[in-house]
């Protein structure tokens, strides 16, 4: 079970390395938000 999750992480890291995202150094690139935060972000896009 843990190995399946590890494989998913390895594939994500391979993509990260290939495209130079630097997710472990710059985790703010991960969009994990509350509904309120998403709504505020959308509103800021269309002031």
ModelCIF file with pLDDT and N, C-alpha, C, O atoms, coordinates in Angstrom:
data_MODEL
#
_entry.id   MODEL 
#
_entity.id                         1 
_entity.type                       polymer 
_entity.pdbx_number_of_molecules   1 
#
_entity_poly.entity_id                      1 
_entity_poly.type                           'polypeptide(L)' 
_entity_poly.nstd_linkage                   no 
_entity_poly.nstd_monomer                   no 
_entity_poly.pdbx_seq_one_letter_code       
;(UNK)(UNK)(UNK)(UNK)(UNK)(UNK)(UNK)(UNK)(UNK)(UNK)(UNK)(UNK)(UNK)(UNK)(UNK)(UNK)
(UNK)(UNK)(UNK)(UNK)(UNK)(UNK)(UNK)(UNK)(UNK)(UNK)(UNK)(UNK)(UNK)(UNK)(UNK)(UNK)
(UNK)(UNK)(UNK)(UNK)(UNK)(UNK)(UNK)(UNK)(UNK)(UNK)(UNK)(UNK)(UNK)(UNK)(UNK)
;
_entity_poly.pdbx_seq_one_letter_code_can   XXXXXXXXXXXXXXXXXXXXXXXXXXXXXXXXXXXXXXXXXXXXXXX 
_entity_poly.pdbx_strand_id                 A 
#
loop_
_entity_poly_seq.entity_id 
_entity_poly_seq.num 
_entity_poly_seq.mon_id 
_entity_poly_seq.hetero 
1 1  UNK n 
1 2  UNK n 
1 3  UNK n 
1 4  UNK n 
1 5  UNK n 
1 6  UNK n 
1 7  UNK n 
1 8  UNK n 
1 9  UNK n 
1 10 UNK n 
1 11 UNK n 
1 12 UNK n 
1 13 UNK n 
1 14 UNK n 
1 15 UNK n 
1 16 UNK n 
1 17 UNK n 
1 18 UNK n 
1 19 UNK n 
1 20 UNK n 
1 21 UNK n 
1 22 UNK n 
1 23 UNK n 
1 24 UNK n 
1 25 UNK n 
1 26 UNK n 
1 27 UNK n 
1 28 UNK n 
1 29 UNK n 
1 30 UNK n 
1 31 UNK n 
1 32 UNK n 
1 33 UNK n 
1 34 UNK n 
1 35 UNK n 
1 36 UNK n 
1 37 UNK n 
1 38 UNK n 
1 39 UNK n 
1 40 UNK n 
1 41 UNK n 
1 42 UNK n 
1 43 UNK n 
1 44 UNK n 
1 45 UNK n 
1 46 UNK n 
1 47 UNK n 
#
_struct_asym.id          A 
_struct_asym.entity_id   1 
#
loop_
_ma_qa_metric.id 
_ma_qa_metric.mode 
_ma_qa_metric.name 
_ma_qa_metric.software_group_id 
_ma_qa_metric.type 
1 global pLDDT . pLDDT 
2 local  pLDDT . pLDDT 
#
_ma_qa_metric_global.metric_id      1 
_ma_qa_metric_global.metric_value   91.53 
_ma_qa_metric_global.model_id       1 
_ma_qa_metric_global.ordinal_id     1 
#
loop_
_ma_qa_metric_local.label_asym_id 
_ma_qa_metric_local.label_comp_id 
_ma_qa_metric_local.label_seq_id 
_ma_qa_metric_local.metric_id 
_ma_qa_metric_local.metric_value 
_ma_qa_metric_local.model_id 
_ma_qa_metric_local.ordinal_id 
A UNK 1  2 86.00 1 1  
A UNK 2  2 92.00 1 2  
A UNK 3  2 93.00 1 3  
A UNK 4  2 92.00 1 4  
A UNK 5  2 94.00 1 5  
A UNK 6  2 97.00 1 6  
A UNK 7  2 96.00 1 7  
A UNK 8  2 97.00 1 8  
A UNK 9  2 97.00 1 9  
A UNK 10 2 98.00 1 10 
A UNK 11 2 98.00 1 11 
A UNK 12 2 98.00 1 12 
A UNK 13 2 98.00 1 13 
A UNK 14 2 98.00 1 14 
A UNK 15 2 98.00 1 15 
A UNK 16 2 98.00 1 16 
A UNK 17 2 97.00 1 17 
A UNK 18 2 97.00 1 18 
A UNK 19 2 97.00 1 19 
A UNK 20 2 97.00 1 20 
A UNK 21 2 97.00 1 21 
A UNK 22 2 96.00 1 22 
A UNK 23 2 96.00 1 23 
A UNK 24 2 95.00 1 24 
A UNK 25 2 96.00 1 25 
A UNK 26 2 95.00 1 26 
A UNK 27 2 94.00 1 27 
A UNK 28 2 93.00 1 28 
A UNK 29 2 95.00 1 29 
A UNK 30 2 96.00 1 30 
A UNK 31 2 93.00 1 31 
A UNK 32 2 94.00 1 32 
A UNK 33 2 92.00 1 33 
A UNK 34 2 92.00 1 34 
A UNK 35 2 90.00 1 35 
A UNK 36 2 90.00 1 36 
A UNK 37 2 87.00 1 37 
A UNK 38 2 83.00 1 38 
A UNK 39 2 84.00 1 39 
A UNK 40 2 84.00 1 40 
A UNK 41 2 81.00 1 41 
A UNK 42 2 80.00 1 42 
A UNK 43 2 80.00 1 43 
A UNK 44 2 79.00 1 44 
A UNK 45 2 78.00 1 45 
A UNK 46 2 76.00 1 46 
A UNK 47 2 68.00 1 47 
#
loop_
_atom_site.group_PDB 
_atom_site.id 
_atom_site.type_symbol 
_atom_site.label_atom_id 
_atom_site.label_alt_id 
_atom_site.label_comp_id 
_atom_site.label_asym_id 
_atom_site.label_entity_id 
_atom_site.label_seq_id 
_atom_site.pdbx_PDB_ins_code 
_atom_site.Cartn_x 
_atom_site.Cartn_y 
_atom_site.Cartn_z 
_atom_site.occupancy 
_atom_site.B_iso_or_equiv 
_atom_site.pdbx_formal_charge 
_atom_site.auth_seq_id 
_atom_site.auth_comp_id 
_atom_site.auth_asym_id 
_atom_site.auth_atom_id 
_atom_site.pdbx_PDB_model_num 
ATOM 1   N N  . UNK A 1 1  ? 0.835   -1.204 0.000   1.00 86.00 ? 1  UNK A N  1 
ATOM 2   C CA . UNK A 1 1  ? 0.000   0.000  0.000   1.00 86.00 ? 1  UNK A CA 1 
ATOM 3   C C  . UNK A 1 1  ? 0.874   1.259  0.000   1.00 86.00 ? 1  UNK A C  1 
ATOM 4   O O  . UNK A 1 1  ? 0.651   2.177  -0.789  1.00 86.00 ? 1  UNK A O  1 
ATOM 5   N N  . UNK A 1 2  ? 1.860   1.292  0.885   1.00 92.00 ? 2  UNK A N  1 
ATOM 6   C CA . UNK A 1 2  ? 2.771   2.440  0.955   1.00 92.00 ? 2  UNK A CA 1 
ATOM 7   C C  . UNK A 1 2  ? 3.609   2.571  -0.314  1.00 92.00 ? 2  UNK A C  1 
ATOM 8   O O  . UNK A 1 2  ? 3.921   3.677  -0.756  1.00 92.00 ? 2  UNK A O  1 
ATOM 9   N N  . UNK A 1 3  ? 3.966   1.437  -0.885  1.00 93.00 ? 3  UNK A N  1 
ATOM 10  C CA . UNK A 1 3  ? 4.764   1.445  -2.113  1.00 93.00 ? 3  UNK A CA 1 
ATOM 11  C C  . UNK A 1 3  ? 3.981   2.072  -3.275  1.00 93.00 ? 3  UNK A C  1 
ATOM 12  O O  . UNK A 1 3  ? 4.564   2.751  -4.121  1.00 93.00 ? 3  UNK A O  1 
ATOM 13  N N  . UNK A 1 4  ? 2.666   1.846  -3.316  1.00 92.00 ? 4  UNK A N  1 
ATOM 14  C CA . UNK A 1 4  ? 1.832   2.444  -4.370  1.00 92.00 ? 4  UNK A CA 1 
ATOM 15  C C  . UNK A 1 4  ? 1.864   3.972  -4.267  1.00 92.00 ? 4  UNK A C  1 
ATOM 16  O O  . UNK A 1 4  ? 1.995   4.659  -5.279  1.00 92.00 ? 4  UNK A O  1 
ATOM 17  N N  . UNK A 1 5  ? 1.744   4.501  -3.049  1.00 94.00 ? 5  UNK A N  1 
ATOM 18  C CA . UNK A 1 5  ? 1.830   5.951  -2.853  1.00 94.00 ? 5  UNK A CA 1 
ATOM 19  C C  . UNK A 1 5  ? 3.215   6.481  -3.180  1.00 94.00 ? 5  UNK A C  1 
ATOM 20  O O  . UNK A 1 5  ? 3.347   7.563  -3.752  1.00 94.00 ? 5  UNK A O  1 
ATOM 21  N N  . UNK A 1 6  ? 4.247   5.730  -2.823  1.00 97.00 ? 6  UNK A N  1 
ATOM 22  C CA . UNK A 1 6  ? 5.637   6.099  -3.113  1.00 97.00 ? 6  UNK A CA 1 
ATOM 23  C C  . UNK A 1 6  ? 5.851   6.215  -4.625  1.00 97.00 ? 6  UNK A C  1 
ATOM 24  O O  . UNK A 1 6  ? 6.512   7.140  -5.099  1.00 97.00 ? 6  UNK A O  1 
ATOM 25  N N  . UNK A 1 7  ? 5.284   5.262  -5.374  1.00 96.00 ? 7  UNK A N  1 
ATOM 26  C CA . UNK A 1 7  ? 5.417   5.311  -6.846  1.00 96.00 ? 7  UNK A CA 1 
ATOM 27  C C  . UNK A 1 7  ? 4.752   6.555  -7.429  1.00 96.00 ? 7  UNK A C  1 
ATOM 28  O O  . UNK A 1 7  ? 5.286   7.176  -8.348  1.00 96.00 ? 7  UNK A O  1 
ATOM 29  N N  . UNK A 1 8  ? 3.588   6.918  -6.895  1.00 97.00 ? 8  UNK A N  1 
ATOM 30  C CA . UNK A 1 8  ? 2.910   8.135  -7.354  1.00 97.00 ? 8  UNK A CA 1 
ATOM 31  C C  . UNK A 1 8  ? 3.778   9.359  -7.074  1.00 97.00 ? 8  UNK A C  1 
ATOM 32  O O  . UNK A 1 8  ? 3.898   10.246 -7.919  1.00 97.00 ? 8  UNK A O  1 
ATOM 33  N N  . UNK A 1 9  ? 4.379   9.405  -5.893  1.00 97.00 ? 9  UNK A N  1 
ATOM 34  C CA . UNK A 1 9  ? 5.250   10.526 -5.533  1.00 97.00 ? 9  UNK A CA 1 
ATOM 35  C C  . UNK A 1 9  ? 6.473   10.558 -6.442  1.00 97.00 ? 9  UNK A C  1 
ATOM 36  O O  . UNK A 1 9  ? 6.900   11.634 -6.862  1.00 97.00 ? 9  UNK A O  1 
ATOM 37  N N  . UNK A 1 10 ? 7.036   9.409  -6.747  1.00 98.00 ? 10 UNK A N  1 
ATOM 38  C CA . UNK A 1 10 ? 8.216   9.346  -7.632  1.00 98.00 ? 10 UNK A CA 1 
ATOM 39  C C  . UNK A 1 10 ? 7.876   9.887  -9.023  1.00 98.00 ? 10 UNK A C  1 
ATOM 40  O O  . UNK A 1 10 ? 8.670   10.616 -9.617  1.00 98.00 ? 10 UNK A O  1 
ATOM 41  N N  . UNK A 1 11 ? 6.706   9.532  -9.536  1.00 98.00 ? 11 UNK A N  1 
ATOM 42  C CA . UNK A 1 11 ? 6.291   10.027 -10.854 1.00 98.00 ? 11 UNK A CA 1 
ATOM 43  C C  . UNK A 1 11 ? 6.092   11.541 -10.818 1.00 98.00 ? 11 UNK A C  1 
ATOM 44  O O  . UNK A 1 11 ? 6.474   12.239 -11.757 1.00 98.00 ? 11 UNK A O  1 
ATOM 45  N N  . UNK A 1 12 ? 5.500   12.046 -9.744  1.00 98.00 ? 12 UNK A N  1 
ATOM 46  C CA . UNK A 1 12 ? 5.310   13.496 -9.596  1.00 98.00 ? 12 UNK A CA 1 
ATOM 47  C C  . UNK A 1 12 ? 6.656   14.201 -9.514  1.00 98.00 ? 12 UNK A C  1 
ATOM 48  O O  . UNK A 1 12 ? 6.838   15.258 -10.118 1.00 98.00 ? 12 UNK A O  1 
ATOM 49  N N  . UNK A 1 13 ? 7.593   13.633 -8.779  1.00 98.00 ? 13 UNK A N  1 
ATOM 50  C CA . UNK A 1 13 ? 8.924   14.235 -8.660  1.00 98.00 ? 13 UNK A CA 1 
ATOM 51  C C  . UNK A 1 13 ? 9.693   14.193 -9.983  1.00 98.00 ? 13 UNK A C  1 
ATOM 52  O O  . UNK A 1 13 ? 10.468  15.102 -10.278 1.00 98.00 ? 13 UNK A O  1 
ATOM 53  N N  . UNK A 1 14 ? 9.482   13.153 -10.770 1.00 98.00 ? 14 UNK A N  1 
ATOM 54  C CA . UNK A 1 14 ? 10.126  13.081 -12.082 1.00 98.00 ? 14 UNK A CA 1 
ATOM 55  C C  . UNK A 1 14 ? 9.614   14.211 -12.976 1.00 98.00 ? 14 UNK A C  1 
ATOM 56  O O  . UNK A 1 14 ? 10.386  14.848 -13.694 1.00 98.00 ? 14 UNK A O  1 
ATOM 57  N N  . UNK A 1 15 ? 8.322   14.447 -12.924 1.00 98.00 ? 15 UNK A N  1 
ATOM 58  C CA . UNK A 1 15 ? 7.724   15.554 -13.695 1.00 98.00 ? 15 UNK A CA 1 
ATOM 59  C C  . UNK A 1 15 ? 8.243   16.897 -13.178 1.00 98.00 ? 15 UNK A C  1 
ATOM 60  O O  . UNK A 1 15 ? 8.569   17.792 -13.958 1.00 98.00 ? 15 UNK A O  1 
ATOM 61  N N  . UNK A 1 16 ? 8.313   17.022 -11.864 1.00 98.00 ? 16 UNK A N  1 
ATOM 62  C CA . UNK A 1 16 ? 8.837   18.220 -11.208 1.00 98.00 ? 16 UNK A CA 1 
ATOM 63  C C  . UNK A 1 16 ? 10.264  18.498 -11.692 1.00 98.00 ? 16 UNK A C  1 
ATOM 64  O O  . UNK A 1 16 ? 10.586  19.630 -12.053 1.00 98.00 ? 16 UNK A O  1 
ATOM 65  N N  . UNK A 1 17 ? 11.098  17.492 -11.701 1.00 97.00 ? 17 UNK A N  1 
ATOM 66  C CA . UNK A 1 17 ? 12.491  17.660 -12.125 1.00 97.00 ? 17 UNK A CA 1 
ATOM 67  C C  . UNK A 1 17 ? 12.568  17.999 -13.614 1.00 97.00 ? 17 UNK A C  1 
ATOM 68  O O  . UNK A 1 17 ? 13.362  18.844 -14.027 1.00 97.00 ? 17 UNK A O  1 
ATOM 69  N N  . UNK A 1 18 ? 11.742  17.335 -14.407 1.00 97.00 ? 18 UNK A N  1 
ATOM 70  C CA . UNK A 1 18 ? 11.759  17.566 -15.853 1.00 97.00 ? 18 UNK A CA 1 
ATOM 71  C C  . UNK A 1 18 ? 11.327  18.964 -16.253 1.00 97.00 ? 18 UNK A C  1 
ATOM 72  O O  . UNK A 1 18 ? 11.814  19.512 -17.242 1.00 97.00 ? 18 UNK A O  1 
ATOM 73  N N  . UNK A 1 19 ? 10.423  19.534 -15.494 1.00 97.00 ? 19 UNK A N  1 
ATOM 74  C CA . UNK A 1 19 ? 9.897   20.861 -15.840 1.00 97.00 ? 19 UNK A CA 1 
ATOM 75  C C  . UNK A 1 19 ? 10.413  21.970 -14.926 1.00 97.00 ? 19 UNK A C  1 
ATOM 76  O O  . UNK A 1 19 ? 10.047  23.133 -15.093 1.00 97.00 ? 19 UNK A O  1 
ATOM 77  N N  . UNK A 1 20 ? 11.263  21.612 -13.963 1.00 97.00 ? 20 UNK A N  1 
ATOM 78  C CA . UNK A 1 20 ? 11.894  22.616 -13.106 1.00 97.00 ? 20 UNK A CA 1 
ATOM 79  C C  . UNK A 1 20 ? 10.957  23.339 -12.163 1.00 97.00 ? 20 UNK A C  1 
ATOM 80  O O  . UNK A 1 20 ? 11.131  24.533 -11.918 1.00 97.00 ? 20 UNK A O  1 
ATOM 81  N N  . UNK A 1 21 ? 9.961   22.641 -11.625 1.00 97.00 ? 21 UNK A N  1 
ATOM 82  C CA . UNK A 1 21 ? 9.016   23.288 -10.715 1.00 97.00 ? 21 UNK A CA 1 
ATOM 83  C C  . UNK A 1 21 ? 9.628   23.605 -9.355  1.00 97.00 ? 21 UNK A C  1 
ATOM 84  O O  . UNK A 1 21 ? 9.367   24.669 -8.793  1.00 97.00 ? 21 UNK A O  1 
ATOM 85  N N  . UNK A 1 22 ? 10.427  22.707 -8.829  1.00 96.00 ? 22 UNK A N  1 
ATOM 86  C CA . UNK A 1 22 ? 11.002  22.896 -7.496  1.00 96.00 ? 22 UNK A CA 1 
ATOM 87  C C  . UNK A 1 22 ? 9.961   22.880 -6.394  1.00 96.00 ? 22 UNK A C  1 
ATOM 88  O O  . UNK A 1 22 ? 9.984   23.739 -5.513  1.00 96.00 ? 22 UNK A O  1 
ATOM 89  N N  . UNK A 1 23 ? 9.046   21.917 -6.425  1.00 96.00 ? 23 UNK A N  1 
ATOM 90  C CA . UNK A 1 23 ? 7.944   21.895 -5.461  1.00 96.00 ? 23 UNK A CA 1 
ATOM 91  C C  . UNK A 1 23 ? 8.395   21.768 -4.017  1.00 96.00 ? 23 UNK A C  1 
ATOM 92  O O  . UNK A 1 23 ? 7.802   22.385 -3.132  1.00 96.00 ? 23 UNK A O  1 
ATOM 93  N N  . UNK A 1 24 ? 9.427   20.984 -3.761  1.00 95.00 ? 24 UNK A N  1 
ATOM 94  C CA . UNK A 1 24 ? 9.879   20.838 -2.376  1.00 95.00 ? 24 UNK A CA 1 
ATOM 95  C C  . UNK A 1 24 ? 10.504  22.125 -1.857  1.00 95.00 ? 24 UNK A C  1 
ATOM 96  O O  . UNK A 1 24 ? 10.467  22.397 -0.657  1.00 95.00 ? 24 UNK A O  1 
ATOM 97  N N  . UNK A 1 25 ? 11.073  22.912 -2.751  1.00 96.00 ? 25 UNK A N  1 
ATOM 98  C CA . UNK A 1 25 ? 11.647  24.198 -2.354  1.00 96.00 ? 25 UNK A CA 1 
ATOM 99  C C  . UNK A 1 25 ? 10.616  25.319 -2.415  1.00 96.00 ? 25 UNK A C  1 
ATOM 100 O O  . UNK A 1 25 ? 10.771  26.340 -1.746  1.00 96.00 ? 25 UNK A O  1 
ATOM 101 N N  . UNK A 1 26 ? 9.573   25.139 -3.205  1.00 95.00 ? 26 UNK A N  1 
ATOM 102 C CA . UNK A 1 26 ? 8.560   26.164 -3.403  1.00 95.00 ? 26 UNK A CA 1 
ATOM 103 C C  . UNK A 1 26 ? 7.156   25.546 -3.327  1.00 95.00 ? 26 UNK A C  1 
ATOM 104 O O  . UNK A 1 26 ? 6.449   25.502 -4.334  1.00 95.00 ? 26 UNK A O  1 
ATOM 105 N N  . UNK A 1 27 ? 6.746   25.069 -2.144  1.00 94.00 ? 27 UNK A N  1 
ATOM 106 C CA . UNK A 1 27 ? 5.463   24.377 -2.026  1.00 94.00 ? 27 UNK A CA 1 
ATOM 107 C C  . UNK A 1 27 ? 4.242   25.276 -2.224  1.00 94.00 ? 27 UNK A C  1 
ATOM 108 O O  . UNK A 1 27 ? 3.125   24.771 -2.343  1.00 94.00 ? 27 UNK A O  1 
ATOM 109 N N  . UNK A 1 28 ? 4.430   26.591 -2.263  1.00 93.00 ? 28 UNK A N  1 
ATOM 110 C CA . UNK A 1 28 ? 3.288   27.492 -2.478  1.00 93.00 ? 28 UNK A CA 1 
ATOM 111 C C  . UNK A 1 28 ? 2.707   27.340 -3.875  1.00 93.00 ? 28 UNK A C  1 
ATOM 112 O O  . UNK A 1 28 ? 1.635   27.872 -4.164  1.00 93.00 ? 28 UNK A O  1 
ATOM 113 N N  . UNK A 1 29 ? 3.403   26.622 -4.738  1.00 95.00 ? 29 UNK A N  1 
ATOM 114 C CA . UNK A 1 29 ? 2.866   26.355 -6.066  1.00 95.00 ? 29 UNK A CA 1 
ATOM 115 C C  . UNK A 1 29 ? 1.733   25.335 -6.025  1.00 95.00 ? 29 UNK A C  1 
ATOM 116 O O  . UNK A 1 29 ? 1.002   25.181 -7.003  1.00 95.00 ? 29 UNK A O  1 
ATOM 117 N N  . UNK A 1 30 ? 1.585   24.647 -4.914  1.00 96.00 ? 30 UNK A N  1 
ATOM 118 C CA . UNK A 1 30 ? 0.499   23.680 -4.759  1.00 96.00 ? 30 UNK A CA 1 
ATOM 119 C C  . UNK A 1 30 ? -0.769  24.428 -4.362  1.00 96.00 ? 30 UNK A C  1 
ATOM 120 O O  . UNK A 1 30 ? -0.806  25.073 -3.314  1.00 96.00 ? 30 UNK A O  1 
ATOM 121 N N  . UNK A 1 31 ? -1.801  24.347 -5.186  1.00 93.00 ? 31 UNK A N  1 
ATOM 122 C CA . UNK A 1 31 ? -3.057  25.062 -4.934  1.00 93.00 ? 31 UNK A CA 1 
ATOM 123 C C  . UNK A 1 31 ? -3.985  24.176 -4.106  1.00 93.00 ? 31 UNK A C  1 
ATOM 124 O O  . UNK A 1 31 ? -4.783  23.411 -4.648  1.00 93.00 ? 31 UNK A O  1 
ATOM 125 N N  . UNK A 1 32 ? -3.869  24.291 -2.807  1.00 94.00 ? 32 UNK A N  1 
ATOM 126 C CA . UNK A 1 32 ? -4.712  23.547 -1.879  1.00 94.00 ? 32 UNK A CA 1 
ATOM 127 C C  . UNK A 1 32 ? -5.351  24.598 -0.992  1.00 94.00 ? 32 UNK A C  1 
ATOM 128 O O  . UNK A 1 32 ? -4.687  25.195 -0.146  1.00 94.00 ? 32 UNK A O  1 
ATOM 129 N N  . UNK A 1 33 ? -6.646  24.822 -1.187  1.00 92.00 ? 33 UNK A N  1 
ATOM 130 C CA . UNK A 1 33 ? -7.282  25.989 -0.601  1.00 92.00 ? 33 UNK A CA 1 
ATOM 131 C C  . UNK A 1 33 ? -8.643  25.676 -0.009  1.00 92.00 ? 33 UNK A C  1 
ATOM 132 O O  . UNK A 1 33 ? -9.225  24.619 -0.250  1.00 92.00 ? 33 UNK A O  1 
ATOM 133 N N  . UNK A 1 34 ? -9.129  26.621 0.767   1.00 92.00 ? 34 UNK A N  1 
ATOM 134 C CA . UNK A 1 34 ? -10.509 26.556 1.218   1.00 92.00 ? 34 UNK A CA 1 
ATOM 135 C C  . UNK A 1 34 ? -11.398 27.145 0.122   1.00 92.00 ? 34 UNK A C  1 
ATOM 136 O O  . UNK A 1 34 ? -10.917 27.821 -0.787  1.00 92.00 ? 34 UNK A O  1 
ATOM 137 N N  . UNK A 1 35 ? -12.682 26.882 0.221   1.00 90.00 ? 35 UNK A N  1 
ATOM 138 C CA . UNK A 1 35 ? -13.634 27.460 -0.733  1.00 90.00 ? 35 UNK A CA 1 
ATOM 139 C C  . UNK A 1 35 ? -13.565 28.986 -0.668  1.00 90.00 ? 35 UNK A C  1 
ATOM 140 O O  . UNK A 1 35 ? -13.589 29.654 -1.702  1.00 90.00 ? 35 UNK A O  1 
ATOM 141 N N  . UNK A 1 36 ? -13.482 29.532 0.537   1.00 90.00 ? 36 UNK A N  1 
ATOM 142 C CA . UNK A 1 36 ? -13.404 30.989 0.697   1.00 90.00 ? 36 UNK A CA 1 
ATOM 143 C C  . UNK A 1 36 ? -12.158 31.560 0.026   1.00 90.00 ? 36 UNK A C  1 
ATOM 144 O O  . UNK A 1 36 ? -12.238 32.586 -0.650  1.00 90.00 ? 36 UNK A O  1 
ATOM 145 N N  . UNK A 1 37 ? -11.017 30.915 0.202   1.00 87.00 ? 37 UNK A N  1 
ATOM 146 C CA . UNK A 1 37 ? -9.778  31.402 -0.408  1.00 87.00 ? 37 UNK A CA 1 
ATOM 147 C C  . UNK A 1 37 ? -9.857  31.345 -1.925  1.00 87.00 ? 37 UNK A C  1 
ATOM 148 O O  . UNK A 1 37 ? -9.386  32.255 -2.608  1.00 87.00 ? 37 UNK A O  1 
ATOM 149 N N  . UNK A 1 38 ? -10.450 30.281 -2.456  1.00 83.00 ? 38 UNK A N  1 
ATOM 150 C CA . UNK A 1 38 ? -10.597 30.183 -3.906  1.00 83.00 ? 38 UNK A CA 1 
ATOM 151 C C  . UNK A 1 38 ? -11.504 31.290 -4.428  1.00 83.00 ? 38 UNK A C  1 
ATOM 152 O O  . UNK A 1 38 ? -11.203 31.908 -5.448  1.00 83.00 ? 38 UNK A O  1 
ATOM 153 N N  . UNK A 1 39 ? -12.617 31.546 -3.733  1.00 84.00 ? 39 UNK A N  1 
ATOM 154 C CA . UNK A 1 39 ? -13.534 32.611 -4.161  1.00 84.00 ? 39 UNK A CA 1 
ATOM 155 C C  . UNK A 1 39 ? -12.848 33.971 -4.125  1.00 84.00 ? 39 UNK A C  1 
ATOM 156 O O  . UNK A 1 39 ? -13.033 34.784 -5.031  1.00 84.00 ? 39 UNK A O  1 
ATOM 157 N N  . UNK A 1 40 ? -12.066 34.220 -3.096  1.00 84.00 ? 40 UNK A N  1 
ATOM 158 C CA . UNK A 1 40 ? -11.345 35.494 -3.011  1.00 84.00 ? 40 UNK A CA 1 
ATOM 159 C C  . UNK A 1 40 ? -10.341 35.612 -4.152  1.00 84.00 ? 40 UNK A C  1 
ATOM 160 O O  . UNK A 1 40 ? -10.202 36.684 -4.741  1.00 84.00 ? 40 UNK A O  1 
ATOM 161 N N  . UNK A 1 41 ? -9.644  34.532 -4.471  1.00 81.00 ? 41 UNK A N  1 
ATOM 162 C CA . UNK A 1 41 ? -8.681  34.550 -5.576  1.00 81.00 ? 41 UNK A CA 1 
ATOM 163 C C  . UNK A 1 41 ? -9.398  34.840 -6.892  1.00 81.00 ? 41 UNK A C  1 
ATOM 164 O O  . UNK A 1 41 ? -8.928  35.648 -7.692  1.00 81.00 ? 41 UNK A O  1 
ATOM 165 N N  . UNK A 1 42 ? -10.538 34.180 -7.116  1.00 80.00 ? 42 UNK A N  1 
ATOM 166 C CA . UNK A 1 42 ? -11.300 34.407 -8.350  1.00 80.00 ? 42 UNK A CA 1 
ATOM 167 C C  . UNK A 1 42 ? -11.758 35.864 -8.437  1.00 80.00 ? 42 UNK A C  1 
ATOM 168 O O  . UNK A 1 42 ? -11.674 36.473 -9.503  1.00 80.00 ? 42 UNK A O  1 
ATOM 169 N N  . UNK A 1 43 ? -12.234 36.420 -7.344  1.00 80.00 ? 43 UNK A N  1 
ATOM 170 C CA . UNK A 1 43 ? -12.691 37.808 -7.331  1.00 80.00 ? 43 UNK A CA 1 
ATOM 171 C C  . UNK A 1 43 ? -11.535 38.760 -7.650  1.00 80.00 ? 43 UNK A C  1 
ATOM 172 O O  . UNK A 1 43 ? -11.729 39.758 -8.343  1.00 80.00 ? 43 UNK A O  1 
ATOM 173 N N  . UNK A 1 44 ? -10.350 38.461 -7.154  1.00 79.00 ? 44 UNK A N  1 
ATOM 174 C CA . UNK A 1 44 ? -9.187  39.313 -7.444  1.00 79.00 ? 44 UNK A CA 1 
ATOM 175 C C  . UNK A 1 44 ? -8.775  39.247 -8.901  1.00 79.00 ? 44 UNK A C  1 
ATOM 176 O O  . UNK A 1 44 ? -8.147  40.177 -9.407  1.00 79.00 ? 44 UNK A O  1 
ATOM 177 N N  . UNK A 1 45 ? -9.120  38.155 -9.590  1.00 78.00 ? 45 UNK A N  1 
ATOM 178 C CA . UNK A 1 45 ? -8.782  38.022 -11.002 1.00 78.00 ? 45 UNK A CA 1 
ATOM 179 C C  . UNK A 1 45 ? -9.679  38.903 -11.875 1.00 78.00 ? 45 UNK A C  1 
ATOM 180 O O  . UNK A 1 45 ? -9.306  39.255 -12.993 1.00 78.00 ? 45 UNK A O  1 
ATOM 181 N N  . UNK A 1 46 ? -10.844 39.251 -11.371 1.00 76.00 ? 46 UNK A N  1 
ATOM 182 C CA . UNK A 1 46 ? -11.817 40.067 -12.096 1.00 76.00 ? 46 UNK A CA 1 
ATOM 183 C C  . UNK A 1 46 ? -12.227 41.248 -11.231 1.00 76.00 ? 46 UNK A C  1 
ATOM 184 O O  . UNK A 1 46 ? -13.381 41.321 -10.808 1.00 76.00 ? 46 UNK A O  1 
ATOM 185 N N  . UNK A 1 47 ? -11.313 42.177 -10.956 1.00 68.00 ? 47 UNK A N  1 
ATOM 186 C CA . UNK A 1 47 ? -11.608 43.235 -9.978  1.00 68.00 ? 47 UNK A CA 1 
ATOM 187 C C  . UNK A 1 47 ? -12.778 44.130 -10.362 1.00 68.00 ? 47 UNK A C  1 
ATOM 188 O O  . UNK A 1 47 ? -13.118 45.052 -9.621  1.00 68.00 ? 47 UNK A O  1 
#
